[in-house]
Amino acid sequence: MRRVVTTHGYSLVELLIVLAIAGLIGGAILGVYRVSQDTYIRASSLEAAQVGARAGLDRMANELRLIGSFWVGANGAGNAITAASQSAITFQADVDADTLNAAGNEITLTADAGGGTNTITVNRITGRSGGNAFIVGESVYIANSGTRDVRQITNIVGNTLTLATNLSTTYPAGSFVRDVKTITYARNANATSTCPALTCLTRTQGGGGAQPIVDNVTGLTFTYFNSAGGSLGNNPLNLSVIREIQVDLTVQSPDGSARRMTTRVKPRSLP
């Protein structure tokens, strides 16, 4: 009988070495995957928070640039900025040109509105958005050449608007009419159904409720500047000298990472 002197395969020691090496390689791959996954999730969370915050900040900045539009210089108009603090700002502006129709035509008076009267009749009250262009409690801007009045609306019946005070002069038929809205941006002090207290940037229009436009807010600061660029601080005493507004907004992503964004706006209509 011939004796077998050669065997094929691996020894137990070799198998154990191979398994150990494979385990090390697999562990390294898994570690890299976990780090990559964590980095991706964190980056995605930050991006989502930043995109949402940037959209809200851009909207606010666009409307801040319109402060005083169809308001400044009109008879009966006070300060375009009616309240300003570290965490909120309220102002007057035509922010959406809703009185223009799809063709860009203005709403106009259908009959002369005499000085000393407090009613005007317009050719339509439907805005470009499809709803009523005018709201009781908001203001109306009436203009004919260089003559302009701003008055608060107290009642609307059909196409006739009743104003809080009499017009300063007579406006002929064809004079154009705009709506002026009261807008407030703030960090919500009180909890709502969708936002716990101090977690949202909200927008309020007229007497409506505060609407969240950015959530997960951890910081909101308004800083005000005069025409020379000098800081008026966060709570200016004289609202009439405000010419620029800086907004610092900080949001937090679901994983706890924070992102701060800043913009500085110069309203075009302020003198």
C-alpha atoms as a PDB file:
ATOM      1  CA  MET A   1       0.000   0.000   0.000  1.00  0.00           C
ATOM      2  CA  ARG A   2       1.278   3.435  -0.989  1.00  0.00           C
ATOM      3  CA  ARG A   3       1.486   5.953   1.832  1.00  0.00           C
ATOM      4  CA  VAL A   4      -0.082   9.385   1.255  1.00  0.00           C
ATOM      5  CA  VAL A   5       2.504  12.037   1.905  1.00  0.00           C
ATOM      6  CA  THR A   6       0.800  15.131   0.306  1.00  0.00           C
ATOM      7  CA  THR A   7      -2.469  16.781   1.380  1.00  0.00           C
ATOM      8  CA  HIS A   8      -4.468  19.627  -0.208  1.00  0.00           C
ATOM      9  CA  GLY A   9      -6.399  22.479   1.535  1.00  0.00           C
ATOM     10  CA  TYR A  10      -5.716  24.762   4.479  1.00  0.00           C
ATOM     11  CA  SER A  11      -4.767  24.148   7.988  1.00  0.00           C
ATOM     12  CA  LEU A  12      -6.874  25.369  10.901  1.00  0.00           C
ATOM     13  CA  VAL A  13      -4.285  28.012  11.702  1.00  0.00           C
ATOM     14  CA  GLU A  14      -4.414  29.358   8.152  1.00  0.00           C
ATOM     15  CA  LEU A  15      -8.211  29.515   8.236  1.00  0.00           C
ATOM     16  CA  LEU A  16      -8.134  31.404  11.505  1.00  0.00           C
ATOM     17  CA  ILE A  17      -5.638  33.889  10.089  1.00  0.00           C
ATOM     18  CA  VAL A  18      -7.785  34.437   6.975  1.00  0.00           C
ATOM     19  CA  LEU A  19     -10.912  34.927   9.086  1.00  0.00           C
ATOM     20  CA  ALA A  20      -9.102  37.413  11.311  1.00  0.00           C
ATOM     21  CA  ILE A  21      -7.897  39.425   8.305  1.00  0.00           C
ATOM     22  CA  ALA A  22     -11.384  39.337   6.734  1.00  0.00           C
ATOM     23  CA  GLY A  23     -12.865  40.516  10.019  1.00  0.00           C
ATOM     24  CA  LEU A  24     -10.447  43.417  10.204  1.00  0.00           C
ATOM     25  CA  ILE A  25     -11.211  44.440   6.623  1.00  0.00           C
ATOM     26  CA  GLY A  26     -14.970  44.095   7.175  1.00  0.00           C
ATOM     27  CA  GLY A  27     -14.784  46.113  10.377  1.00  0.00           C
ATOM     28  CA  ALA A  28     -12.848  48.857   8.632  1.00  0.00           C
ATOM     29  CA  ILE A  29     -15.369  48.969   5.779  1.00  0.00           C
ATOM     30  CA  LEU A  30     -18.271  49.103   8.240  1.00  0.00           C
ATOM     31  CA  GLY A  31     -16.574  51.875  10.182  1.00  0.00           C
ATOM     32  CA  VAL A  32     -16.043  53.937   7.038  1.00  0.00           C
ATOM     33  CA  TYR A  33     -19.679  53.336   6.032  1.00  0.00           C
ATOM     34  CA  ARG A  34     -20.989  54.463   9.400  1.00  0.00           C
ATOM     35  CA  VAL A  35     -18.856  57.595   9.392  1.00  0.00           C
ATOM     36  CA  SER A  36     -19.936  58.372   5.823  1.00  0.00           C
ATOM     37  CA  GLN A  37     -23.587  57.750   6.670  1.00  0.00           C
ATOM     38  CA  ASP A  38     -23.436  59.949   9.770  1.00  0.00           C
ATOM     39  CA  THR A  39     -21.726  62.689   7.781  1.00  0.00           C
ATOM     40  CA  TYR A  40     -24.339  62.436   5.025  1.00  0.00           C
ATOM     41  CA  ILE A  41     -27.259  62.552   7.474  1.00  0.00           C
ATOM     42  CA  ARG A  42     -25.773  65.527   9.298  1.00  0.00           C
ATOM     43  CA  ALA A  43     -25.060  67.357   6.046  1.00  0.00           C
ATOM     44  CA  SER A  44     -28.578  66.608   4.771  1.00  0.00           C
ATOM     45  CA  SER A  45     -30.123  67.896   8.009  1.00  0.00           C
ATOM     46  CA  LEU A  46     -28.047  71.062   7.864  1.00  0.00           C
ATOM     47  CA  GLU A  47     -28.909  71.586   4.207  1.00  0.00           C
ATOM     48  CA  ALA A  48     -32.626  71.087   4.850  1.00  0.00           C
ATOM     49  CA  ALA A  49     -32.536  73.548   7.743  1.00  0.00           C
ATOM     50  CA  GLN A  50     -30.546  76.050   5.715  1.00  0.00           C
ATOM     51  CA  VAL A  51     -32.757  75.810   2.608  1.00  0.00           C
ATOM     52  CA  GLY A  52     -35.936  76.373   4.622  1.00  0.00           C
ATOM     53  CA  ALA A  53     -34.409  79.214   6.603  1.00  0.00           C
ATOM     54  CA  ARG A  54     -32.935  80.852   3.519  1.00  0.00           C
ATOM     55  CA  ALA A  55     -36.315  80.815   1.754  1.00  0.00           C
ATOM     56  CA  GLY A  56     -37.986  82.468   4.733  1.00  0.00           C
ATOM     57  CA  LEU A  57     -35.173  84.983   5.155  1.00  0.00           C
ATOM     58  CA  ASP A  58     -35.290  85.893   1.461  1.00  0.00           C
ATOM     59  CA  ARG A  59     -39.045  86.467   1.636  1.00  0.00           C
ATOM     60  CA  MET A  60     -38.659  88.688   4.676  1.00  0.00           C
ATOM     61  CA  ALA A  61     -35.785  90.624   3.091  1.00  0.00           C
ATOM     62  CA  ASN A  62     -37.811  91.223  -0.085  1.00  0.00           C
ATOM     63  CA  GLU A  63     -40.704  92.649   1.929  1.00  0.00           C
ATOM     64  CA  LEU A  64     -38.417  94.747   4.136  1.00  0.00           C
ATOM     65  CA  ARG A  65     -37.080  96.386   0.961  1.00  0.00           C
ATOM     66  CA  LEU A  66     -40.653  97.477   0.187  1.00  0.00           C
ATOM     67  CA  ILE A  67     -41.196  99.266   3.522  1.00  0.00           C
ATOM     68  CA  GLY A  68     -42.987 102.542   2.840  1.00  0.00           C
ATOM     69  CA  SER A  69     -43.950 101.719  -0.745  1.00  0.00           C
ATOM     70  CA  PHE A  70     -47.172 103.573  -1.634  1.00  0.00           C
ATOM     71  CA  TRP A  71     -47.039 105.187   1.789  1.00  0.00           C
ATOM     72  CA  VAL A  72     -44.098 107.555   2.267  1.00  0.00           C
ATOM     73  CA  GLY A  73     -44.935 111.165   1.386  1.00  0.00           C
ATOM     74  CA  ALA A  74     -48.705 110.702   1.255  1.00  0.00           C
ATOM     75  CA  ASN A  75     -51.054 112.925   3.232  1.00  0.00           C
ATOM     76  CA  GLY A  76     -52.120 111.103   6.387  1.00  0.00           C
ATOM     77  CA  ALA A  77     -49.169 108.712   6.415  1.00  0.00           C
ATOM     78  CA  GLY A  78     -47.151 108.381   9.598  1.00  0.00           C
ATOM     79  CA  ASN A  79     -43.899 106.458   9.972  1.00  0.00           C
ATOM     80  CA  ALA A  80     -43.667 103.538   7.569  1.00  0.00           C
ATOM     81  CA  ILE A  81     -42.075 101.510  10.377  1.00  0.00           C
ATOM     82  CA  THR A  82     -44.564 101.515  13.234  1.00  0.00           C
ATOM     83  CA  ALA A  83     -42.735  99.238  15.696  1.00  0.00           C
ATOM     84  CA  ALA A  84     -39.145  98.005  15.903  1.00  0.00           C
ATOM     85  CA  SER A  85     -37.469  95.867  18.543  1.00  0.00           C
ATOM     86  CA  GLN A  86     -34.794  93.205  18.837  1.00  0.00           C
ATOM     87  CA  SER A  87     -37.178  90.364  18.008  1.00  0.00           C
ATOM     88  CA  ALA A  88     -39.930  91.982  15.890  1.00  0.00           C
ATOM     89  CA  ILE A  89     -40.656  94.659  13.301  1.00  0.00           C
ATOM     90  CA  THR A  90     -43.969  96.078  12.035  1.00  0.00           C
ATOM     91  CA  PHE A  91     -44.268  98.223   8.920  1.00  0.00           C
ATOM     92  CA  GLN A  92     -46.584  99.578   6.212  1.00  0.00           C
ATOM     93  CA  ALA A  93     -46.107  98.612   2.560  1.00  0.00           C
ATOM     94  CA  ASP A  94     -47.752  97.385  -0.598  1.00  0.00           C
ATOM     95  CA  VAL A  95     -45.850  94.097  -0.605  1.00  0.00           C
ATOM     96  CA  ASP A  96     -47.679  92.214  -3.352  1.00  0.00           C
ATOM     97  CA  ALA A  97     -49.203  94.732  -5.816  1.00  0.00           C
ATOM     98  CA  ASP A  98     -52.417  92.714  -5.518  1.00  0.00           C
ATOM     99  CA  THR A  99     -54.522  95.597  -6.854  1.00  0.00           C
ATOM    100  CA  LEU A 100     -52.961  95.118 -10.293  1.00  0.00           C
ATOM    101  CA  ASN A 101     -54.758  92.625 -12.520  1.00  0.00           C
ATOM    102  CA  ALA A 102     -53.116  90.074 -14.811  1.00  0.00           C
ATOM    103  CA  ALA A 103     -52.692  92.739 -17.494  1.00  0.00           C
ATOM    104  CA  GLY A 104     -51.015  95.105 -15.035  1.00  0.00           C
ATOM    105  CA  ASN A 105     -53.954  97.512 -14.865  1.00  0.00           C
ATOM    106  CA  GLU A 106     -54.524  99.529 -11.691  1.00  0.00           C
ATOM    107  CA  ILE A 107     -57.712  99.753  -9.666  1.00  0.00           C
ATOM    108  CA  THR A 108     -59.118 103.256 -10.231  1.00  0.00           C
ATOM    109  CA  LEU A 109     -61.847 105.572  -8.983  1.00  0.00           C
ATOM    110  CA  THR A 110     -65.057 105.396 -11.027  1.00  0.00           C
ATOM    111  CA  ALA A 111     -66.229 108.811  -9.838  1.00  0.00           C
ATOM    112  CA  ASP A 112     -64.720 111.931  -8.362  1.00  0.00           C
ATOM    113  CA  ALA A 113     -63.968 111.666  -4.633  1.00  0.00           C
ATOM    114  CA  GLY A 114     -64.359 115.122  -3.157  1.00  0.00           C
ATOM    115  CA  GLY A 115     -62.095 116.617  -0.556  1.00  0.00           C
ATOM    116  CA  GLY A 116     -63.774 116.503   2.817  1.00  0.00           C
ATOM    117  CA  THR A 117     -65.527 113.202   2.059  1.00  0.00           C
ATOM    118  CA  ASN A 118     -64.629 109.768   3.399  1.00  0.00           C
ATOM    119  CA  THR A 119     -65.987 107.398   0.748  1.00  0.00           C
ATOM    120  CA  ILE A 120     -64.526 106.287  -2.565  1.00  0.00           C
ATOM    121  CA  THR A 121     -65.916 104.019  -5.294  1.00  0.00           C
ATOM    122  CA  VAL A 122     -63.554 101.886  -7.374  1.00  0.00           C
ATOM    123  CA  ASN A 123     -63.951  99.966 -10.615  1.00  0.00           C
ATOM    124  CA  ARG A 124     -63.230  96.614  -8.949  1.00  0.00           C
ATOM    125  CA  ILE A 125     -62.218  95.211  -5.592  1.00  0.00           C
ATOM    126  CA  THR A 126     -60.968  91.813  -6.765  1.00  0.00           C
ATOM    127  CA  GLY A 127     -57.208  91.504  -6.587  1.00  0.00           C
ATOM    128  CA  ARG A 128     -54.798  89.627  -8.795  1.00  0.00           C
ATOM    129  CA  SER A 129     -54.832  86.755  -6.288  1.00  0.00           C
ATOM    130  CA  GLY A 130     -58.569  86.307  -6.846  1.00  0.00           C
ATOM    131  CA  GLY A 131     -59.572  87.535  -3.402  1.00  0.00           C
ATOM    132  CA  ASN A 132     -60.576  90.956  -2.144  1.00  0.00           C
ATOM    133  CA  ALA A 133     -57.771  93.439  -2.757  1.00  0.00           C
ATOM    134  CA  PHE A 134     -58.910  95.606   0.152  1.00  0.00           C
ATOM    135  CA  ILE A 135     -59.378  94.620   3.802  1.00  0.00           C
ATOM    136  CA  VAL A 136     -61.173  96.499   6.549  1.00  0.00           C
ATOM    137  CA  GLY A 137     -58.590  97.760   9.020  1.00  0.00           C
ATOM    138  CA  GLU A 138     -55.865  98.045   6.400  1.00  0.00           C
ATOM    139  CA  SER A 139     -55.046 101.228   4.479  1.00  0.00           C
ATOM    140  CA  VAL A 140     -55.704 102.531   1.006  1.00  0.00           C
ATOM    141  CA  TYR A 141     -53.403 104.760  -1.068  1.00  0.00           C
ATOM    142  CA  ILE A 142     -55.030 107.162  -3.541  1.00  0.00           C
ATOM    143  CA  ALA A 143     -52.955 109.138  -6.032  1.00  0.00           C
ATOM    144  CA  ASN A 144     -53.413 111.598  -8.861  1.00  0.00           C
ATOM    145  CA  SER A 145     -50.162 112.975 -10.258  1.00  0.00           C
ATOM    146  CA  GLY A 146     -48.264 114.361  -7.258  1.00  0.00           C
ATOM    147  CA  THR A 147     -51.258 114.411  -4.908  1.00  0.00           C
ATOM    148  CA  ARG A 148     -51.517 111.417  -2.598  1.00  0.00           C
ATOM    149  CA  ASP A 149     -53.559 110.380   0.423  1.00  0.00           C
ATOM    150  CA  VAL A 150     -53.383 107.377   2.744  1.00  0.00           C
ATOM    151  CA  ARG A 151     -56.444 106.437   4.771  1.00  0.00           C
ATOM    152  CA  GLN A 152     -57.523 103.455   6.842  1.00  0.00           C
ATOM    153  CA  ILE A 153     -60.497 101.446   5.543  1.00  0.00           C
ATOM    154  CA  THR A 154     -63.373 101.120   8.022  1.00  0.00           C
ATOM    155  CA  ASN A 155     -66.034  99.487   5.825  1.00  0.00           C
ATOM    156  CA  ILE A 156     -66.526  97.942   2.383  1.00  0.00           C
ATOM    157  CA  VAL A 157     -69.919  97.654   0.648  1.00  0.00           C
ATOM    158  CA  GLY A 158     -69.791  96.475  -2.938  1.00  0.00           C
ATOM    159  CA  ASN A 159     -67.172  98.604  -4.663  1.00  0.00           C
ATOM    160  CA  THR A 160     -67.470 101.469  -2.177  1.00  0.00           C
ATOM    161  CA  LEU A 161     -64.870 101.909   0.548  1.00  0.00           C
ATOM    162  CA  THR A 162     -65.489 103.970   3.675  1.00  0.00           C
ATOM    163  CA  LEU A 163     -62.410 105.637   5.124  1.00  0.00           C
ATOM    164  CA  ALA A 164     -61.562 106.513   8.723  1.00  0.00           C
ATOM    165  CA  THR A 165     -61.022 110.208   7.933  1.00  0.00           C
ATOM    166  CA  ASN A 166     -61.890 112.589   5.118  1.00  0.00           C
ATOM    167  CA  LEU A 167     -59.699 113.018   2.062  1.00  0.00           C
ATOM    168  CA  SER A 168     -57.475 116.086   2.000  1.00  0.00           C
ATOM    169  CA  THR A 169     -58.422 117.067  -1.552  1.00  0.00           C
ATOM    170  CA  THR A 170     -60.583 116.046  -4.511  1.00  0.00           C
ATOM    171  CA  TYR A 171     -59.455 113.065  -6.571  1.00  0.00           C
ATOM    172  CA  PRO A 172     -60.918 112.795 -10.082  1.00  0.00           C
ATOM    173  CA  ALA A 173     -62.277 109.611 -11.617  1.00  0.00           C
ATOM    174  CA  GLY A 174     -59.395 107.530 -12.926  1.00  0.00           C
ATOM    175  CA  SER A 175     -57.110 108.225  -9.958  1.00  0.00           C
ATOM    176  CA  PHE A 176     -55.401 104.976  -9.063  1.00  0.00           C
ATOM    177  CA  VAL A 177     -55.893 103.176  -5.769  1.00  0.00           C
ATOM    178  CA  ARG A 178     -53.562 100.733  -4.000  1.00  0.00           C
ATOM    179  CA  ASP A 179     -53.900  98.653  -0.854  1.00  0.00           C
ATOM    180  CA  VAL A 180     -51.267  99.076   1.859  1.00  0.00           C
ATOM    181  CA  LYS A 181     -50.722  96.213   4.277  1.00  0.00           C
ATOM    182  CA  THR A 182     -49.525  96.146   7.873  1.00  0.00           C
ATOM    183  CA  ILE A 183     -46.857  93.435   8.133  1.00  0.00           C
ATOM    184  CA  THR A 184     -45.172  92.091  11.265  1.00  0.00           C
ATOM    185  CA  TYR A 185     -42.212  89.712  11.379  1.00  0.00           C
ATOM    186  CA  ALA A 186     -41.371  88.252  14.778  1.00  0.00           C
ATOM    187  CA  ARG A 187     -40.070  85.287  16.714  1.00  0.00           C
ATOM    188  CA  ASN A 188     -43.197  83.788  18.239  1.00  0.00           C
ATOM    189  CA  ALA A 189     -43.369  84.569  21.940  1.00  0.00           C
ATOM    190  CA  ASN A 190     -46.291  82.197  22.532  1.00  0.00           C
ATOM    191  CA  ALA A 191     -46.839  78.604  21.489  1.00  0.00           C
ATOM    192  CA  THR A 192     -49.200  77.843  18.591  1.00  0.00           C
ATOM    193  CA  SER A 193     -50.652  74.624  17.231  1.00  0.00           C
ATOM    194  CA  THR A 194     -47.618  74.218  14.969  1.00  0.00           C
ATOM    195  CA  CYS A 195     -44.836  76.045  16.823  1.00  0.00           C
ATOM    196  CA  PRO A 196     -43.706  75.799  20.426  1.00  0.00           C
ATOM    197  CA  ALA A 197     -42.853  79.182  21.932  1.00  0.00           C
ATOM    198  CA  LEU A 198     -39.745  80.913  20.534  1.00  0.00           C
ATOM    199  CA  THR A 199     -39.186  78.329  17.788  1.00  0.00           C
ATOM    200  CA  CYS A 200     -40.592  80.002  14.657  1.00  0.00           C
ATOM    201  CA  LEU A 201     -40.172  83.082  12.525  1.00  0.00           C
ATOM    202  CA  THR A 202     -43.738  84.244  11.913  1.00  0.00           C
ATOM    203  CA  ARG A 203     -45.386  86.705   9.531  1.00  0.00           C
ATOM    204  CA  THR A 204     -48.582  88.537  10.458  1.00  0.00           C
ATOM    205  CA  GLN A 205     -50.605  90.535   7.946  1.00  0.00           C
ATOM    206  CA  GLY A 206     -53.117  93.042   9.249  1.00  0.00           C
ATOM    207  CA  GLY A 207     -55.444  91.545  11.809  1.00  0.00           C
ATOM    208  CA  GLY A 208     -54.790  87.972  10.699  1.00  0.00           C
ATOM    209  CA  GLY A 209     -53.047  85.319  12.717  1.00  0.00           C
ATOM    210  CA  ALA A 210     -49.298  84.807  12.816  1.00  0.00           C
ATOM    211  CA  GLN A 211     -48.179  82.398  10.083  1.00  0.00           C
ATOM    212  CA  PRO A 212     -44.933  80.409  10.588  1.00  0.00           C
ATOM    213  CA  ILE A 213     -42.524  80.775   7.677  1.00  0.00           C
ATOM    214  CA  VAL A 214     -39.387  79.277   9.294  1.00  0.00           C
ATOM    215  CA  ASP A 215     -39.369  76.647  12.036  1.00  0.00           C
ATOM    216  CA  ASN A 216     -36.632  75.383  14.380  1.00  0.00           C
ATOM    217  CA  VAL A 217     -35.586  78.985  15.064  1.00  0.00           C
ATOM    218  CA  THR A 218     -33.215  79.404  18.009  1.00  0.00           C
ATOM    219  CA  GLY A 219     -32.326  83.058  17.474  1.00  0.00           C
ATOM    220  CA  LEU A 220     -33.708  86.165  15.725  1.00  0.00           C
ATOM    221  CA  THR A 221     -32.195  89.619  16.113  1.00  0.00           C
ATOM    222  CA  PHE A 222     -33.039  92.852  14.284  1.00  0.00           C
ATOM    223  CA  THR A 223     -30.466  95.651  14.325  1.00  0.00           C
ATOM    224  CA  TYR A 224     -31.261  99.092  12.909  1.00  0.00           C
ATOM    225  CA  PHE A 225     -29.119 101.754  11.222  1.00  0.00           C
ATOM    226  CA  ASN A 226     -29.534 105.403  10.228  1.00  0.00           C
ATOM    227  CA  SER A 227     -28.816 107.011   6.843  1.00  0.00           C
ATOM    228  CA  ALA A 228     -25.108 107.355   7.665  1.00  0.00           C
ATOM    229  CA  GLY A 229     -24.829 103.668   8.507  1.00  0.00           C
ATOM    230  CA  GLY A 230     -24.597 104.326  12.231  1.00  0.00           C
ATOM    231  CA  SER A 231     -26.098 101.690  14.482  1.00  0.00           C
ATOM    232  CA  LEU A 232     -29.339 102.529  16.280  1.00  0.00           C
ATOM    233  CA  GLY A 233     -29.152  99.320  18.284  1.00  0.00           C
ATOM    234  CA  ASN A 234     -31.906  96.746  18.690  1.00  0.00           C
ATOM    235  CA  ASN A 235     -34.558  99.031  20.194  1.00  0.00           C
ATOM    236  CA  PRO A 236     -34.378 102.414  18.428  1.00  0.00           C
ATOM    237  CA  LEU A 237     -36.192 105.262  20.151  1.00  0.00           C
ATOM    238  CA  ASN A 238     -36.830 107.254  16.955  1.00  0.00           C
ATOM    239  CA  LEU A 239     -38.389 105.039  14.291  1.00  0.00           C
ATOM    240  CA  SER A 240     -38.365 107.818  11.694  1.00  0.00           C
ATOM    241  CA  VAL A 241     -34.562 107.720  11.311  1.00  0.00           C
ATOM    242  CA  ILE A 242     -34.316 103.997  10.494  1.00  0.00           C
ATOM    243  CA  ARG A 243     -32.877 103.506   7.009  1.00  0.00           C
ATOM    244  CA  GLU A 244     -31.347 100.026   7.119  1.00  0.00           C
ATOM    245  CA  ILE A 245     -32.216  96.795   8.896  1.00  0.00           C
ATOM    246  CA  GLN A 246     -29.943  93.855   9.652  1.00  0.00           C
ATOM    247  CA  VAL A 247     -31.493  90.466  10.355  1.00  0.00           C
ATOM    248  CA  ASP A 248     -29.620  87.668  12.144  1.00  0.00           C
ATOM    249  CA  LEU A 249     -31.462  84.348  12.020  1.00  0.00           C
ATOM    250  CA  THR A 250     -30.250  81.110  13.637  1.00  0.00           C
ATOM    251  CA  VAL A 251     -31.939  77.784  12.960  1.00  0.00           C
ATOM    252  CA  GLN A 252     -31.296  74.326  14.369  1.00  0.00           C
ATOM    253  CA  SER A 253     -31.407  71.114  12.350  1.00  0.00           C
ATOM    254  CA  PRO A 254     -33.024  67.944  13.777  1.00  0.00           C
ATOM    255  CA  ASP A 255     -29.597  66.609  14.835  1.00  0.00           C
ATOM    256  CA  GLY A 256     -28.939  69.727  16.918  1.00  0.00           C
ATOM    257  CA  SER A 257     -26.547  71.475  14.524  1.00  0.00           C
ATOM    258  CA  ALA A 258     -27.071  75.246  14.251  1.00  0.00           C
ATOM    259  CA  ARG A 259     -26.788  77.464  11.200  1.00  0.00           C
ATOM    260  CA  ARG A 260     -26.716  81.272  11.358  1.00  0.00           C
ATOM    261  CA  MET A 261     -27.651  83.503   8.446  1.00  0.00           C
ATOM    262  CA  THR A 262     -27.434  87.282   8.201  1.00  0.00           C
ATOM    263  CA  THR A 263     -28.787  89.807   5.723  1.00  0.00           C
ATOM    264  CA  ARG A 264     -28.832  93.610   5.687  1.00  0.00           C
ATOM    265  CA  VAL A 265     -31.624  95.428   3.881  1.00  0.00           C
ATOM    266  CA  LYS A 266     -32.088  99.039   2.776  1.00  0.00           C
ATOM    267  CA  PRO A 267     -35.778  99.850   2.114  1.00  0.00           C
ATOM    268  CA  ARG A 268     -36.053 101.612  -1.246  1.00  0.00           C
ATOM    269  CA  SER A 269     -38.918 103.953  -0.400  1.00  0.00           C
ATOM    270  CA  LEU A 270     -37.542 105.459   2.797  1.00  0.00           C
ATOM    271  CA  PRO A 271     -36.150 108.974   2.179  1.00  0.00           C
END
